[in-house]
């Protein structure tokens, strides 16, 4: 059941995340590698946003549990605030885009 949940066209969610961070941190990427990373990222986002609500919540909970598995409370707080900041940035950008589209 969980294998189905985490599989996207035979690429796991964790493979997509690892690939995305590898390419984001590697400054010597070629254009082809950036396109692969961008396509993988878009596929991952499309998959996650198309999940039914209960599966969406389950996925976020499982990823959260896996991320805190071997780190102490101080590092959990730091990681949680970091991820929260990413979420706030995405929400702020989406709200601004919505306002800009409304004004046109």
Protein backbone atom coordinates (compact mmCIF):
# COMPACT_ATOMS: atom_id res chain seq x y z
CA UNK A 1 0.00 0.00 0.00
CA UNK A 2 2.71 2.49 0.98
CA UNK A 3 4.79 1.58 -2.08
CA UNK A 4 1.86 2.58 -4.30
CA UNK A 5 1.40 5.75 -2.29
CA UNK A 6 5.01 6.87 -2.75
CA UNK A 7 5.44 5.76 -6.35
CA UNK A 8 5.11 8.15 -9.26
CA UNK A 9 5.83 6.59 -12.64
CA UNK A 10 8.39 4.25 -11.03
CA UNK A 11 10.18 7.20 -9.38
CA UNK A 12 9.66 7.54 -5.65
CA UNK A 13 8.90 10.84 -3.97
CA UNK A 14 12.20 10.60 -2.10
CA UNK A 15 14.11 10.09 -5.38
CA UNK A 16 12.47 13.25 -6.74
CA UNK A 17 13.35 15.25 -3.64
CA UNK A 18 16.93 13.95 -3.62
CA UNK A 19 17.33 14.69 -7.33
CA UNK A 20 15.90 18.18 -6.91
CA UNK A 21 18.25 19.08 -4.05
CA UNK A 22 21.25 17.56 -5.85
CA UNK A 23 20.65 19.73 -8.91
CA UNK A 24 19.80 22.78 -6.82
CA UNK A 25 23.12 22.53 -4.95
CA UNK A 26 25.27 21.61 -7.94
CA UNK A 27 26.13 24.87 -9.70
CA UNK A 28 27.82 23.17 -12.69
CA UNK A 29 24.60 21.65 -14.09
CA UNK A 30 24.06 21.63 -17.82
CA UNK A 31 20.85 22.86 -19.43
CA UNK A 32 19.77 19.25 -20.04
CA UNK A 33 20.22 18.34 -16.39
CA UNK A 34 18.21 21.42 -15.35
CA UNK A 35 15.39 20.38 -17.69
CA UNK A 36 15.34 16.87 -16.18
CA UNK A 37 15.27 18.36 -12.68
CA UNK A 38 12.54 20.83 -13.63
CA UNK A 39 10.41 18.11 -15.25
CA UNK A 40 10.85 15.85 -12.22
CA UNK A 41 9.92 18.71 -9.90
CA UNK A 42 6.81 19.54 -11.95
CA UNK A 43 5.78 15.88 -11.98
CA UNK A 44 6.21 15.68 -8.20
CA UNK A 45 4.21 18.87 -7.59
CA UNK A 46 1.49 17.70 -9.97
CA UNK A 47 1.30 14.34 -8.20
CA UNK A 48 1.16 15.86 -4.71
CA UNK A 49 -1.44 18.48 -5.59
CA UNK A 50 -3.69 15.90 -7.25
CA UNK A 51 -3.91 13.67 -4.15
CA UNK A 52 -7.24 13.33 -2.34
CA UNK A 53 -7.32 15.24 1.00
CA UNK A 54 -6.76 12.25 3.28
CA UNK A 55 -3.81 10.96 1.25
CA UNK A 56 -2.39 14.49 1.08
CA UNK A 57 -2.45 14.75 4.88
CA UNK A 58 -1.04 11.24 5.26
CA UNK A 59 1.85 12.00 2.89
CA UNK A 60 2.79 15.19 4.72
CA UNK A 61 2.62 13.39 8.08
CA UNK A 62 4.76 10.50 6.87
CA UNK A 63 7.39 12.81 5.39
CA UNK A 64 7.45 14.78 8.65
CA UNK A 65 7.90 11.62 10.70
CA UNK A 66 10.66 10.35 8.41
CA UNK A 67 12.50 13.68 8.58
CA UNK A 68 12.57 13.76 12.42
CA UNK A 69 13.44 10.11 12.89
CA UNK A 70 17.09 10.54 13.88
CA UNK A 71 17.49 14.17 14.95
CA UNK A 72 17.26 15.77 18.38
CA UNK A 73 14.56 18.23 19.50
CA UNK A 74 16.66 21.34 18.80
CA UNK A 75 17.30 20.27 15.20
CA UNK A 76 13.63 19.30 14.81
CA UNK A 77 12.64 22.85 15.76
CA UNK A 78 15.12 24.32 13.28
CA UNK A 79 13.99 22.00 10.48
CA UNK A 80 10.32 22.68 11.25
CA UNK A 81 10.84 26.45 11.14
CA UNK A 82 12.81 26.12 7.90
CA UNK A 83 10.04 24.09 6.24
CA UNK A 84 7.42 26.46 7.65
CA UNK A 85 9.30 29.39 6.11
CA UNK A 86 9.27 27.64 2.73
CA UNK A 87 5.51 27.22 3.05
CA UNK A 88 5.01 30.86 3.99
CA UNK A 89 7.09 31.97 1.00
CA UNK A 90 4.99 29.84 -1.35
CA UNK A 91 1.73 31.16 0.15
CA UNK A 92 2.91 34.78 -0.05
CA UNK A 93 3.92 34.40 -3.70
CA UNK A 94 0.61 32.73 -4.58
CA UNK A 95 -1.39 35.45 -2.81
CA UNK A 96 0.54 38.19 -4.61
CA UNK A 97 0.03 36.47 -7.96
CA UNK A 98 -3.70 36.15 -7.26
CA UNK A 99 -3.93 39.85 -6.40
CA UNK A 100 -2.01 40.83 -9.53
CA UNK A 101 -4.31 38.74 -11.74
CA UNK A 102 -7.36 40.27 -10.08
CA UNK A 103 -6.12 43.81 -10.83
CA UNK A 104 -5.79 43.12 -14.58
